[in-house]
């Protein structure tokens, strides 16, 4: 499934903020619950409905996503509870591909066009 990269960036940031509150040993169930809740909120903001159902269906998961995430985190002694690690696990389990937002690409093109105009203006001075 493809999702906008802005969702990934926001998830990592939100999870990092949440995980800072835990001293050493975050509660796996709380982390997974927070991740999935934030994912739903961010997807809704991007106009994507039922993102969790779609992820589970497209990845052909054998169990609910929450159970799989918790099991992966709990069974891996080397798992680091960071926003990046948690989101990486999610994208690996659900085979998520992150895509750049078209608006960002348009903005970059406009910015480059403005630079070209500025360079042309300098030639006339």
PDB file of N, CA and C in Angstrom:
ATOM      1  N   UNK A   1       0.847  -1.179   0.000  1.00  0.00           N
ATOM      2  CA  UNK A   1       0.000   0.000   0.000  1.00  0.00           C
ATOM      3  C   UNK A   1       0.890   1.238   0.000  1.00  0.00           C
ATOM      4  N   UNK A   2       0.472   2.243  -0.715  1.00  0.00           N
ATOM      5  CA  UNK A   2       1.207   3.495  -0.746  1.00  0.00           C
ATOM      6  C   UNK A   2       0.506   4.516   0.135  1.00  0.00           C
ATOM      7  N   UNK A   3       1.320   5.208   0.934  1.00  0.00           N
ATOM      8  CA  UNK A   3       0.815   6.259   1.803  1.00  0.00           C
ATOM      9  C   UNK A   3       1.711   7.485   1.652  1.00  0.00           C
ATOM     10  N   UNK A   4       1.169   8.669   1.893  1.00  0.00           N
ATOM     11  CA  UNK A   4       1.983   9.881   1.793  1.00  0.00           C
ATOM     12  C   UNK A   4       3.106   9.893   2.839  1.00  0.00           C
ATOM     13  N   UNK A   5       4.272  10.342   2.436  1.00  0.00           N
ATOM     14  CA  UNK A   5       5.446  10.386   3.315  1.00  0.00           C
ATOM     15  C   UNK A   5       5.204  11.287   4.523  1.00  0.00           C
ATOM     16  N   UNK A   6       4.310  12.249   4.390  1.00  0.00           N
ATOM     17  CA  UNK A   6       4.015  13.146   5.507  1.00  0.00           C
ATOM     18  C   UNK A   6       3.442  12.358   6.691  1.00  0.00           C
ATOM     19  N   UNK A   7       2.723  11.277   6.409  1.00  0.00           N
ATOM     20  CA  UNK A   7       2.190  10.436   7.479  1.00  0.00           C
ATOM     21  C   UNK A   7       3.336   9.774   8.218  1.00  0.00           C
ATOM     22  N   UNK A   8       4.312   9.265   7.483  1.00  0.00           N
ATOM     23  CA  UNK A   8       5.469   8.609   8.110  1.00  0.00           C
ATOM     24  C   UNK A   8       6.219   9.591   8.999  1.00  0.00           C
ATOM     25  N   UNK A   9       6.508  10.762   8.456  1.00  0.00           N
ATOM     26  CA  UNK A   9       7.252  11.767   9.210  1.00  0.00           C
ATOM     27  C   UNK A   9       6.527  12.150  10.498  1.00  0.00           C
ATOM     28  N   UNK A  10       5.225  12.336  10.396  1.00  0.00           N
ATOM     29  CA  UNK A  10       4.432  12.702  11.572  1.00  0.00           C
ATOM     30  C   UNK A  10       4.382  11.569  12.595  1.00  0.00           C
ATOM     31  N   UNK A  11       4.254  10.333  12.117  1.00  0.00           N
ATOM     32  CA  UNK A  11       4.236   9.183  13.025  1.00  0.00           C
ATOM     33  C   UNK A  11       5.537   9.081  13.813  1.00  0.00           C
ATOM     34  N   UNK A  12       6.666   9.221  13.128  1.00  0.00           N
ATOM     35  CA  UNK A  12       7.967   9.132  13.802  1.00  0.00           C
ATOM     36  C   UNK A  12       8.065  10.213  14.874  1.00  0.00           C
ATOM     37  N   UNK A  13       7.672  11.423  14.524  1.00  0.00           N
ATOM     38  CA  UNK A  13       7.748  12.534  15.473  1.00  0.00           C
ATOM     39  C   UNK A  13       6.828  12.318  16.678  1.00  0.00           C
ATOM     40  N   UNK A  14       5.592  11.929  16.419  1.00  0.00           N
ATOM     41  CA  UNK A  14       4.627  11.696  17.498  1.00  0.00           C
ATOM     42  C   UNK A  14       5.089  10.565  18.423  1.00  0.00           C
ATOM     43  N   UNK A  15       5.592   9.494  17.838  1.00  0.00           N
ATOM     44  CA  UNK A  15       6.068   8.365  18.644  1.00  0.00           C
ATOM     45  C   UNK A  15       7.286   8.742  19.469  1.00  0.00           C
ATOM     46  N   UNK A  16       8.211   9.500  18.883  1.00  0.00           N
ATOM     47  CA  UNK A  16       9.382   9.948  19.648  1.00  0.00           C
ATOM     48  C   UNK A  16       8.952  10.769  20.861  1.00  0.00           C
ATOM     49  N   UNK A  17       7.988  11.661  20.652  1.00  0.00           N
ATOM     50  CA  UNK A  17       7.474  12.467  21.766  1.00  0.00           C
ATOM     51  C   UNK A  17       6.844  11.585  22.835  1.00  0.00           C
ATOM     52  N   UNK A  18       6.054  10.611  22.416  1.00  0.00           N
ATOM     53  CA  UNK A  18       5.385   9.709  23.352  1.00  0.00           C
ATOM     54  C   UNK A  18       6.395   8.863  24.119  1.00  0.00           C
ATOM     55  N   UNK A  19       7.395   8.353  23.412  1.00  0.00           N
ATOM     56  CA  UNK A  19       8.375   7.448  24.025  1.00  0.00           C
ATOM     57  C   UNK A  19       9.326   8.164  24.988  1.00  0.00           C
ATOM     58  N   UNK A  20       9.480   9.464  24.836  1.00  0.00           N
ATOM     59  CA  UNK A  20      10.303  10.229  25.766  1.00  0.00           C
ATOM     60  C   UNK A  20       9.740  10.181  27.179  1.00  0.00           C
ATOM     61  N   UNK A  21       8.436  10.001  27.287  1.00  0.00           N
ATOM     62  CA  UNK A  21       7.787   9.958  28.594  1.00  0.00           C
ATOM     63  C   UNK A  21       8.134   8.681  29.367  1.00  0.00           C
ATOM     64  N   UNK A  22       8.522   7.634  28.639  1.00  0.00           N
ATOM     65  CA  UNK A  22       8.904   6.378  29.278  1.00  0.00           C
ATOM     66  C   UNK A  22      10.392   6.417  29.598  1.00  0.00           C
ATOM     67  N   UNK A  23      10.747   6.018  30.791  1.00  0.00           N
ATOM     68  CA  UNK A  23      12.156   6.052  31.194  1.00  0.00           C
ATOM     69  C   UNK A  23      12.969   5.000  30.437  1.00  0.00           C
ATOM     70  N   UNK A  24      12.721   3.739  30.690  1.00  0.00           N
ATOM     71  CA  UNK A  24      13.522   2.684  30.070  1.00  0.00           C
ATOM     72  C   UNK A  24      12.700   1.640  29.341  1.00  0.00           C
ATOM     73  N   UNK A  25      11.574   1.277  29.909  1.00  0.00           N
ATOM     74  CA  UNK A  25      10.824   0.140  29.397  1.00  0.00           C
ATOM     75  C   UNK A  25       9.387   0.536  29.048  1.00  0.00           C
ATOM     76  N   UNK A  26       9.166   0.968  27.810  1.00  0.00           N
ATOM     77  CA  UNK A  26       7.802   1.353  27.436  1.00  0.00           C
ATOM     78  C   UNK A  26       6.873   0.147  27.364  1.00  0.00           C
ATOM     79  N   UNK A  27       5.629   0.380  27.624  1.00  0.00           N
ATOM     80  CA  UNK A  27       4.602  -0.647  27.547  1.00  0.00           C
ATOM     81  C   UNK A  27       4.288  -0.908  26.072  1.00  0.00           C
ATOM     82  N   UNK A  28       4.581  -2.126  25.621  1.00  0.00           N
ATOM     83  CA  UNK A  28       4.416  -2.485  24.215  1.00  0.00           C
ATOM     84  C   UNK A  28       2.986  -2.249  23.734  1.00  0.00           C
ATOM     85  N   UNK A  29       2.021  -2.650  24.536  1.00  0.00           N
ATOM     86  CA  UNK A  29       0.624  -2.490  24.149  1.00  0.00           C
ATOM     87  C   UNK A  29       0.265  -1.016  23.993  1.00  0.00           C
ATOM     88  N   UNK A  30       0.763  -0.172  24.876  1.00  0.00           N
ATOM     89  CA  UNK A  30       0.493   1.263  24.792  1.00  0.00           C
ATOM     90  C   UNK A  30       1.138   1.877  23.544  1.00  0.00           C
ATOM     91  N   UNK A  31       2.354   1.440  23.220  1.00  0.00           N
ATOM     92  CA  UNK A  31       3.045   1.953  22.036  1.00  0.00           C
ATOM     93  C   UNK A  31       2.274   1.569  20.773  1.00  0.00           C
ATOM     94  N   UNK A  32       1.866   0.326  20.674  1.00  0.00           N
ATOM     95  CA  UNK A  32       1.123  -0.141  19.496  1.00  0.00           C
ATOM     96  C   UNK A  32      -0.218   0.584  19.391  1.00  0.00           C
ATOM     97  N   UNK A  33      -0.903   0.713  20.492  1.00  0.00           N
ATOM     98  CA  UNK A  33      -2.188   1.401  20.499  1.00  0.00           C
ATOM     99  C   UNK A  33      -2.031   2.848  20.034  1.00  0.00           C
ATOM    100  N   UNK A  34      -1.007   3.525  20.547  1.00  0.00           N
ATOM    101  CA  UNK A  34      -0.756   4.909  20.167  1.00  0.00           C
ATOM    102  C   UNK A  34      -0.393   5.009  18.685  1.00  0.00           C
ATOM    103  N   UNK A  35       0.459   4.121  18.214  1.00  0.00           N
ATOM    104  CA  UNK A  35       0.859   4.095  16.804  1.00  0.00           C
ATOM    105  C   UNK A  35      -0.363   3.975  15.894  1.00  0.00           C
ATOM    106  N   UNK A  36      -1.205   3.000  16.172  1.00  0.00           N
ATOM    107  CA  UNK A  36      -2.359   2.749  15.309  1.00  0.00           C
ATOM    108  C   UNK A  36      -3.379   3.883  15.388  1.00  0.00           C
ATOM    109  N   UNK A  37      -3.542   4.455  16.568  1.00  0.00           N
ATOM    110  CA  UNK A  37      -4.443   5.589  16.732  1.00  0.00           C
ATOM    111  C   UNK A  37      -3.948   6.791  15.920  1.00  0.00           C
ATOM    112  N   UNK A  38      -2.660   7.084  16.023  1.00  0.00           N
ATOM    113  CA  UNK A  38      -2.082   8.206  15.273  1.00  0.00           C
ATOM    114  C   UNK A  38      -2.144   7.948  13.766  1.00  0.00           C
ATOM    115  N   UNK A  39      -1.901   6.718  13.363  1.00  0.00           N
ATOM    116  CA  UNK A  39      -1.969   6.366  11.951  1.00  0.00           C
ATOM    117  C   UNK A  39      -3.364   6.631  11.400  1.00  0.00           C
ATOM    118  N   UNK A  40      -4.388   6.230  12.138  1.00  0.00           N
ATOM    119  CA  UNK A  40      -5.770   6.468  11.700  1.00  0.00           C
ATOM    120  C   UNK A  40      -6.074   7.957  11.593  1.00  0.00           C
ATOM    121  N   UNK A  41      -5.635   8.722  12.592  1.00  0.00           N
ATOM    122  CA  UNK A  41      -5.886  10.168  12.598  1.00  0.00           C
ATOM    123  C   UNK A  41      -5.202  10.834  11.405  1.00  0.00           C
ATOM    124  N   UNK A  42      -3.935  10.517  11.212  1.00  0.00           N
ATOM    125  CA  UNK A  42      -3.169  11.134  10.123  1.00  0.00           C
ATOM    126  C   UNK A  42      -3.698  10.725   8.757  1.00  0.00           C
ATOM    127  N   UNK A  43      -4.077   9.469   8.614  1.00  0.00           N
ATOM    128  CA  UNK A  43      -4.644   9.001   7.344  1.00  0.00           C
ATOM    129  C   UNK A  43      -5.971   9.704   7.058  1.00  0.00           C
ATOM    130  N   UNK A  44      -6.812   9.856   8.088  1.00  0.00           N
ATOM    131  CA  UNK A  44      -8.084  10.570   7.909  1.00  0.00           C
ATOM    132  C   UNK A  44      -7.837  12.003   7.437  1.00  0.00           C
ATOM    133  N   UNK A  45      -6.821  12.652   8.015  1.00  0.00           N
ATOM    134  CA  UNK A  45      -6.491  14.016   7.607  1.00  0.00           C
ATOM    135  C   UNK A  45      -6.058  14.083   6.141  1.00  0.00           C
ATOM    136  N   UNK A  46      -5.505  12.988   5.641  1.00  0.00           N
ATOM    137  CA  UNK A  46      -5.067  12.925   4.243  1.00  0.00           C
ATOM    138  C   UNK A  46      -6.162  12.371   3.330  1.00  0.00           C
ATOM    139  N   UNK A  47      -7.351  12.118   3.890  1.00  0.00           N
ATOM    140  CA  UNK A  47      -8.464  11.641   3.081  1.00  0.00           C
ATOM    141  C   UNK A  47      -8.465  10.139   2.843  1.00  0.00           C
ATOM    142  N   UNK A  48      -7.766   9.390   3.685  1.00  0.00           N
ATOM    143  CA  UNK A  48      -7.695   7.933   3.544  1.00  0.00           C
ATOM    144  C   UNK A  48      -8.557   7.311   4.636  1.00  0.00           C
ATOM    145  N   UNK A  49      -9.613   6.621   4.231  1.00  0.00           N
ATOM    146  CA  UNK A  49     -10.532   5.993   5.177  1.00  0.00           C
ATOM    147  C   UNK A  49     -10.125   4.554   5.442  1.00  0.00           C
ATOM    148  N   UNK A  50     -10.401   4.069   6.639  1.00  0.00           N
ATOM    149  CA  UNK A  50     -10.176   2.670   7.017  1.00  0.00           C
ATOM    150  C   UNK A  50      -8.768   2.179   6.682  1.00  0.00           C
ATOM    151  N   UNK A  51      -7.771   2.975   7.032  1.00  0.00           N
ATOM    152  CA  UNK A  51      -6.391   2.645   6.677  1.00  0.00           C
ATOM    153  C   UNK A  51      -5.935   1.334   7.308  1.00  0.00           C
ATOM    154  N   UNK A  52      -6.360   1.060   8.536  1.00  0.00           N
ATOM    155  CA  UNK A  52      -5.929  -0.176   9.196  1.00  0.00           C
ATOM    156  C   UNK A  52      -6.492  -1.405   8.502  1.00  0.00           C
ATOM    157  N   UNK A  53      -7.744  -1.358   8.131  1.00  0.00           N
ATOM    158  CA  UNK A  53      -8.355  -2.481   7.406  1.00  0.00           C
ATOM    159  C   UNK A  53      -7.668  -2.703   6.066  1.00  0.00           C
ATOM    160  N   UNK A  54      -7.391  -1.605   5.374  1.00  0.00           N
ATOM    161  CA  UNK A  54      -6.720  -1.720   4.076  1.00  0.00           C
ATOM    162  C   UNK A  54      -5.326  -2.308   4.229  1.00  0.00           C
ATOM    163  N   UNK A  55      -4.594  -1.868   5.247  1.00  0.00           N
ATOM    164  CA  UNK A  55      -3.247  -2.389   5.469  1.00  0.00           C
ATOM    165  C   UNK A  55      -3.280  -3.884   5.752  1.00  0.00           C
ATOM    166  N   UNK A  56      -4.202  -4.289   6.622  1.00  0.00           N
ATOM    167  CA  UNK A  56      -4.311  -5.711   6.968  1.00  0.00           C
ATOM    168  C   UNK A  56      -4.701  -6.545   5.754  1.00  0.00           C
ATOM    169  N   UNK A  57      -5.634  -6.039   4.956  1.00  0.00           N
ATOM    170  CA  UNK A  57      -6.090  -6.777   3.770  1.00  0.00           C
ATOM    171  C   UNK A  57      -4.997  -6.885   2.714  1.00  0.00           C
ATOM    172  N   UNK A  58      -4.358  -5.758   2.402  1.00  0.00           N
ATOM    173  CA  UNK A  58      -3.354  -5.759   1.329  1.00  0.00           C
ATOM    174  C   UNK A  58      -2.109  -6.563   1.693  1.00  0.00           C
ATOM    175  N   UNK A  59      -1.758  -6.574   2.978  1.00  0.00           N
ATOM    176  CA  UNK A  59      -0.566  -7.323   3.399  1.00  0.00           C
ATOM    177  C   UNK A  59      -0.900  -8.786   3.695  1.00  0.00           C
ATOM    178  N   UNK A  60      -2.177  -9.153   3.603  1.00  0.00           N
ATOM    179  CA  UNK A  60      -2.628 -10.520   3.889  1.00  0.00           C
ATOM    180  C   UNK A  60      -2.085 -11.014   5.232  1.00  0.00           C
ATOM    181  N   UNK A  61      -2.292 -10.196   6.249  1.00  0.00           N
ATOM    182  CA  UNK A  61      -1.802 -10.545   7.586  1.00  0.00           C
ATOM    183  C   UNK A  61      -2.580 -11.718   8.153  1.00  0.00           C
ATOM    184  N   UNK A  62      -1.873 -12.582   8.862  1.00  0.00           N
ATOM    185  CA  UNK A  62      -2.488 -13.780   9.431  1.00  0.00           C
ATOM    186  C   UNK A  62      -3.165 -13.511  10.769  1.00  0.00           C
ATOM    187  N   UNK A  63      -2.919 -12.340  11.340  1.00  0.00           N
ATOM    188  CA  UNK A  63      -3.513 -11.951  12.620  1.00  0.00           C
ATOM    189  C   UNK A  63      -3.751 -10.445  12.568  1.00  0.00           C
ATOM    190  N   UNK A  64      -4.518  -9.916  13.507  1.00  0.00           N
ATOM    191  CA  UNK A  64      -4.709  -8.465  13.533  1.00  0.00           C
ATOM    192  C   UNK A  64      -3.360  -7.741  13.651  1.00  0.00           C
ATOM    193  N   UNK A  65      -3.272  -6.604  13.025  1.00  0.00           N
ATOM    194  CA  UNK A  65      -2.036  -5.835  12.987  1.00  0.00           C
ATOM    195  C   UNK A  65      -1.507  -5.530  14.383  1.00  0.00           C
ATOM    196  N   UNK A  66      -2.385  -5.164  15.298  1.00  0.00           N
ATOM    197  CA  UNK A  66      -1.951  -4.846  16.662  1.00  0.00           C
ATOM    198  C   UNK A  66      -1.248  -6.035  17.312  1.00  0.00           C
ATOM    199  N   UNK A  67      -1.805  -7.221  17.132  1.00  0.00           N
ATOM    200  CA  UNK A  67      -1.193  -8.432  17.710  1.00  0.00           C
ATOM    201  C   UNK A  67       0.184  -8.693  17.114  1.00  0.00           C
ATOM    202  N   UNK A  68       0.307  -8.562  15.807  1.00  0.00           N
ATOM    203  CA  UNK A  68       1.580  -8.809  15.142  1.00  0.00           C
ATOM    204  C   UNK A  68       2.652  -7.809  15.587  1.00  0.00           C
ATOM    205  N   UNK A  69       2.276  -6.543  15.674  1.00  0.00           N
ATOM    206  CA  UNK A  69       3.229  -5.530  16.122  1.00  0.00           C
ATOM    207  C   UNK A  69       3.710  -5.807  17.542  1.00  0.00           C
ATOM    208  N   UNK A  70       2.770  -6.096  18.430  1.00  0.00           N
ATOM    209  CA  UNK A  70       3.130  -6.394  19.825  1.00  0.00           C
ATOM    210  C   UNK A  70       4.037  -7.615  19.914  1.00  0.00           C
ATOM    211  N   UNK A  71       3.712  -8.653  19.175  1.00  0.00           N
ATOM    212  CA  UNK A  71       4.512  -9.878  19.211  1.00  0.00           C
ATOM    213  C   UNK A  71       5.927  -9.619  18.698  1.00  0.00           C
ATOM    214  N   UNK A  72       6.051  -8.870  17.615  1.00  0.00           N
ATOM    215  CA  UNK A  72       7.372  -8.546  17.056  1.00  0.00           C
ATOM    216  C   UNK A  72       8.208  -7.746  18.056  1.00  0.00           C
ATOM    217  N   UNK A  73       7.599  -6.759  18.671  1.00  0.00           N
ATOM    218  CA  UNK A  73       8.323  -5.921  19.630  1.00  0.00           C
ATOM    219  C   UNK A  73       8.743  -6.716  20.853  1.00  0.00           C
ATOM    220  N   UNK A  74       7.845  -7.548  21.346  1.00  0.00           N
ATOM    221  CA  UNK A  74       8.119  -8.308  22.568  1.00  0.00           C
ATOM    222  C   UNK A  74       9.127  -9.431  22.342  1.00  0.00           C
ATOM    223  N   UNK A  75       9.132 -10.020  21.162  1.00  0.00           N
ATOM    224  CA  UNK A  75       9.988 -11.177  20.917  1.00  0.00           C
ATOM    225  C   UNK A  75      11.416 -10.802  20.516  1.00  0.00           C
ATOM    226  N   UNK A  76      11.636  -9.549  20.164  1.00  0.00           N
ATOM    227  CA  UNK A  76      12.953  -9.110  19.720  1.00  0.00           C
ATOM    228  C   UNK A  76      13.646  -8.351  20.846  1.00  0.00           C
ATOM    229  N   UNK A  77      14.639  -8.991  21.472  1.00  0.00           N
ATOM    230  CA  UNK A  77      15.351  -8.362  22.585  1.00  0.00           C
ATOM    231  C   UNK A  77      16.134  -7.134  22.158  1.00  0.00           C
ATOM    232  N   UNK A  78      16.475  -7.045  20.881  1.00  0.00           N
ATOM    233  CA  UNK A  78      17.269  -5.931  20.387  1.00  0.00           C
ATOM    234  C   UNK A  78      16.416  -4.792  19.819  1.00  0.00           C
ATOM    235  N   UNK A  79      15.098  -4.929  19.904  1.00  0.00           N
ATOM    236  CA  UNK A  79      14.215  -3.885  19.383  1.00  0.00           C
ATOM    237  C   UNK A  79      14.387  -2.616  20.206  1.00  0.00           C
ATOM    238  N   UNK A  80      14.621  -1.500  19.520  1.00  0.00           N
ATOM    239  CA  UNK A  80      14.752  -0.208  20.185  1.00  0.00           C
ATOM    240  C   UNK A  80      13.457   0.560  20.030  1.00  0.00           C
ATOM    241  N   UNK A  81      12.950   1.048  21.135  1.00  0.00           N
ATOM    242  CA  UNK A  81      11.709   1.801  21.105  1.00  0.00           C
ATOM    243  C   UNK A  81      11.997   3.254  20.730  1.00  0.00           C
ATOM    244  N   UNK A  82      12.084   3.475  19.423  1.00  0.00           N
ATOM    245  CA  UNK A  82      12.188   4.821  18.867  1.00  0.00           C
ATOM    246  C   UNK A  82      11.099   4.954  17.818  1.00  0.00           C
ATOM    247  N   UNK A  83      10.757   6.179  17.508  1.00  0.00           N
ATOM    248  CA  UNK A  83       9.744   6.393  16.477  1.00  0.00           C
ATOM    249  C   UNK A  83      10.138   5.747  15.162  1.00  0.00           C
ATOM    250  N   UNK A  84      11.401   5.883  14.802  1.00  0.00           N
ATOM    251  CA  UNK A  84      11.904   5.317  13.545  1.00  0.00           C
ATOM    252  C   UNK A  84      11.781   3.797  13.531  1.00  0.00           C
ATOM    253  N   UNK A  85      12.172   3.134  14.619  1.00  0.00           N
ATOM    254  CA  UNK A  85      12.114   1.665  14.687  1.00  0.00           C
ATOM    255  C   UNK A  85      10.673   1.161  14.634  1.00  0.00           C
ATOM    256  N   UNK A  86       9.783   1.820  15.351  1.00  0.00           N
ATOM    257  CA  UNK A  86       8.386   1.388  15.391  1.00  0.00           C
ATOM    258  C   UNK A  86       7.734   1.553  14.019  1.00  0.00           C
ATOM    259  N   UNK A  87       7.972   2.690  13.369  1.00  0.00           N
ATOM    260  CA  UNK A  87       7.388   2.925  12.056  1.00  0.00           C
ATOM    261  C   UNK A  87       8.018   1.984  11.022  1.00  0.00           C
ATOM    262  N   UNK A  88       9.300   1.712  11.146  1.00  0.00           N
ATOM    263  CA  UNK A  88       9.957   0.769  10.228  1.00  0.00           C
ATOM    264  C   UNK A  88       9.357  -0.624  10.347  1.00  0.00           C
ATOM    265  N   UNK A  89       9.045  -1.031  11.559  1.00  0.00           N
ATOM    266  CA  UNK A  89       8.396  -2.326  11.774  1.00  0.00           C
ATOM    267  C   UNK A  89       7.018  -2.345  11.111  1.00  0.00           C
ATOM    268  N   UNK A  90       6.262  -1.289  11.302  1.00  0.00           N
ATOM    269  CA  UNK A  90       4.943  -1.173  10.676  1.00  0.00           C
ATOM    270  C   UNK A  90       5.049  -1.268   9.152  1.00  0.00           C
ATOM    271  N   UNK A  91       5.978  -0.520   8.576  1.00  0.00           N
ATOM    272  CA  UNK A  91       6.077  -0.532   7.108  1.00  0.00           C
ATOM    273  C   UNK A  91       6.556  -1.877   6.586  1.00  0.00           C
ATOM    274  N   UNK A  92       7.391  -2.570   7.352  1.00  0.00           N
ATOM    275  CA  UNK A  92       7.860  -3.894   6.922  1.00  0.00           C
ATOM    276  C   UNK A  92       6.729  -4.918   6.986  1.00  0.00           C
ATOM    277  N   UNK A  93       5.971  -4.926   8.079  1.00  0.00           N
ATOM    278  CA  UNK A  93       4.874  -5.892   8.226  1.00  0.00           C
ATOM    279  C   UNK A  93       3.766  -5.664   7.196  1.00  0.00           C
ATOM    280  N   UNK A  94       3.500  -4.400   6.895  1.00  0.00           N
ATOM    281  CA  UNK A  94       2.378  -4.067   6.008  1.00  0.00           C
ATOM    282  C   UNK A  94       2.813  -3.750   4.580  1.00  0.00           C
ATOM    283  N   UNK A  95       4.103  -3.859   4.311  1.00  0.00           N
ATOM    284  CA  UNK A  95       4.634  -3.583   2.981  1.00  0.00           C
ATOM    285  C   UNK A  95       4.200  -2.202   2.481  1.00  0.00           C
ATOM    286  N   UNK A  96       4.404  -1.196   3.330  1.00  0.00           N
ATOM    287  CA  UNK A  96       4.021   0.173   2.991  1.00  0.00           C
ATOM    288  C   UNK A  96       5.118   0.813   2.159  1.00  0.00           C
ATOM    289  N   UNK A  97       4.691   1.484   1.114  1.00  0.00           N
ATOM    290  CA  UNK A  97       5.592   2.306   0.310  1.00  0.00           C
ATOM    291  C   UNK A  97       5.178   3.756   0.522  1.00  0.00           C
ATOM    292  N   UNK A  98       6.140   4.590   0.847  1.00  0.00           N
ATOM    293  CA  UNK A  98       5.851   5.999   1.125  1.00  0.00           C
ATOM    294  C   UNK A  98       6.063   6.811  -0.142  1.00  0.00           C
ATOM    295  N   UNK A  99       5.101   7.651  -0.452  1.00  0.00           N
ATOM    296  CA  UNK A  99       5.204   8.475  -1.658  1.00  0.00           C
ATOM    297  C   UNK A  99       5.212   9.945  -1.262  1.00  0.00           C
ATOM    298  N   UNK A 100       5.963  10.724  -2.044  1.00  0.00           N
ATOM    299  CA  UNK A 100       5.989  12.166  -1.823  1.00  0.00           C
ATOM    300  C   UNK A 100       4.662  12.755  -2.237  1.00  0.00           C
ATOM    301  N   UNK A 101       4.281  13.799  -1.543  1.00  0.00           N
ATOM    302  CA  UNK A 101       3.042  14.490  -1.850  1.00  0.00           C
ATOM    303  C   UNK A 101       3.230  15.307  -3.116  1.00  0.00           C
ATOM    304  N   UNK A 102       2.280  15.269  -4.029  1.00  0.00           N
ATOM    305  CA  UNK A 102       2.381  16.007  -5.292  1.00  0.00           C
ATOM    306  C   UNK A 102       2.514  17.506  -5.072  1.00  0.00           C
ATOM    307  N   UNK A 103       1.884  18.017  -4.005  1.00  0.00           N
ATOM    308  CA  UNK A 103       1.968  19.447  -3.727  1.00  0.00           C
ATOM    309  C   UNK A 103       3.410  19.861  -3.476  1.00  0.00           C
ATOM    310  N   UNK A 104       4.172  19.032  -2.762  1.00  0.00           N
ATOM    311  CA  UNK A 104       5.569  19.346  -2.495  1.00  0.00           C
ATOM    312  C   UNK A 104       6.360  19.396  -3.788  1.00  0.00           C
ATOM    313  N   UNK A 105       6.092  18.464  -4.712  1.00  0.00           N
ATOM    314  CA  UNK A 105       6.797  18.447  -5.980  1.00  0.00           C
ATOM    315  C   UNK A 105       6.492  19.711  -6.779  1.00  0.00           C
ATOM    316  N   UNK A 106       5.216  20.131  -6.793  1.00  0.00           N
ATOM    317  CA  UNK A 106       4.845  21.341  -7.510  1.00  0.00           C
ATOM    318  C   UNK A 106       5.541  22.551  -6.912  1.00  0.00           C
ATOM    319  N   UNK A 107       5.619  22.603  -5.601  1.00  0.00           N
ATOM    320  CA  UNK A 107       6.253  23.722  -4.929  1.00  0.00           C
ATOM    321  C   UNK A 107       7.722  23.797  -5.315  1.00  0.00           C
ATOM    322  N   UNK A 108       8.409  22.648  -5.348  1.00  0.00           N
ATOM    323  CA  UNK A 108       9.813  22.617  -5.727  1.00  0.00           C
ATOM    324  C   UNK A 108      10.002  23.084  -7.160  1.00  0.00           C
ATOM    325  N   UNK A 109       9.104  22.684  -8.060  1.00  0.00           N
ATOM    326  CA  UNK A 109       9.198  23.099  -9.451  1.00  0.00           C
ATOM    327  C   UNK A 109       9.032  24.612  -9.577  1.00  0.00           C
ATOM    328  N   UNK A 110       8.073  25.168  -8.824  1.00  0.00           N
ATOM    329  CA  UNK A 110       7.864  26.606  -8.856  1.00  0.00           C
ATOM    330  C   UNK A 110       9.095  27.333  -8.349  1.00  0.00           C
ATOM    331  N   UNK A 111       9.698  26.817  -7.291  1.00  0.00           N
ATOM    332  CA  UNK A 111      10.884  27.420  -6.711  1.00  0.00           C
ATOM    333  C   UNK A 111      12.036  27.424  -7.718  1.00  0.00           C
ATOM    334  N   UNK A 112      12.202  26.316  -8.451  1.00  0.00           N
ATOM    335  CA  UNK A 112      13.246  26.237  -9.465  1.00  0.00           C
ATOM    336  C   UNK A 112      12.971  27.212 -10.602  1.00  0.00           C
ATOM    337  N   UNK A 113      11.687  27.350 -10.993  1.00  0.00           N
ATOM    338  CA  UNK A 113      11.330  28.289 -12.046  1.00  0.00           C
ATOM    339  C   UNK A 113      11.670  29.719 -11.637  1.00  0.00           C
ATOM    340  N   UNK A 114      11.410  30.058 -10.373  1.00  0.00           N
ATOM    341  CA  UNK A 114      11.732  31.388  -9.881  1.00  0.00           C
ATOM    342  C   UNK A 114      13.233  31.628  -9.928  1.00  0.00           C
ATOM    343  N   UNK A 115      14.022  30.617  -9.574  1.00  0.00           N
ATOM    344  CA  UNK A 115      15.478  30.745  -9.641  1.00  0.00           C
ATOM    345  C   UNK A 115      15.926  31.000 -11.068  1.00  0.00           C
ATOM    346  N   UNK A 116      15.310  30.305 -12.023  1.00  0.00           N
ATOM    347  CA  UNK A 116      15.658  30.502 -13.424  1.00  0.00           C
ATOM    348  C   UNK A 116      15.356  31.933 -13.861  1.00  0.00           C
ATOM    349  N   UNK A 117      14.227  32.465 -13.411  1.00  0.00           N
ATOM    350  CA  UNK A 117      13.866  33.836 -13.758  1.00  0.00           C
ATOM    351  C   UNK A 117      14.865  34.823 -13.171  1.00  0.00           C
ATOM    352  N   UNK A 118      15.264  34.599 -11.934  1.00  0.00           N
ATOM    353  CA  UNK A 118      16.232  35.487 -11.288  1.00  0.00           C
ATOM    354  C   UNK A 118      17.548  35.502 -12.053  1.00  0.00           C
ATOM    355  N   UNK A 119      17.979  34.340 -12.507  1.00  0.00           N
ATOM    356  CA  UNK A 119      19.227  34.253 -13.274  1.00  0.00           C
ATOM    357  C   UNK A 119      19.101  35.006 -14.589  1.00  0.00           C
ATOM    358  N   UNK A 120      17.942  34.884 -15.237  1.00  0.00           N
ATOM    359  CA  UNK A 120      17.725  35.586 -16.498  1.00  0.00           C
ATOM    360  C   UNK A 120      17.714  37.096 -16.284  1.00  0.00           C
ATOM    361  N   UNK A 121      17.124  37.555 -15.176  1.00  0.00           N
ATOM    362  CA  UNK A 121      17.077  38.971 -14.869  1.00  0.00           C
ATOM    363  C   UNK A 121      18.468  39.550 -14.696  1.00  0.00           C
ATOM    364  N   UNK A 122      19.372  38.793 -14.089  1.00  0.00           N
ATOM    365  CA  UNK A 122      20.740  39.254 -13.862  1.00  0.00           C
ATOM    366  C   UNK A 122      21.473  39.502 -15.176  1.00  0.00           C
ATOM    367  N   UNK A 123      21.134  38.761 -16.221  1.00  0.00           N
ATOM    368  CA  UNK A 123      21.781  38.927 -17.515  1.00  0.00           C
ATOM    369  C   UNK A 123      21.469  40.299 -18.121  1.00  0.00           C
ATOM    370  N   UNK A 124      20.349  40.867 -17.763  1.00  0.00           N
ATOM    371  CA  UNK A 124      19.915  42.116 -18.353  1.00  0.00           C
ATOM    372  C   UNK A 124      20.480  43.330 -17.619  1.00  0.00           C
ATOM    373  N   UNK A 125      21.056  43.129 -16.455  1.00  0.00           N
ATOM    374  CA  UNK A 125      21.572  44.250 -15.665  1.00  0.00           C
ATOM    375  C   UNK A 125      22.885  44.751 -16.161  1.00  0.00           C
TER     376      UNK A 125
END
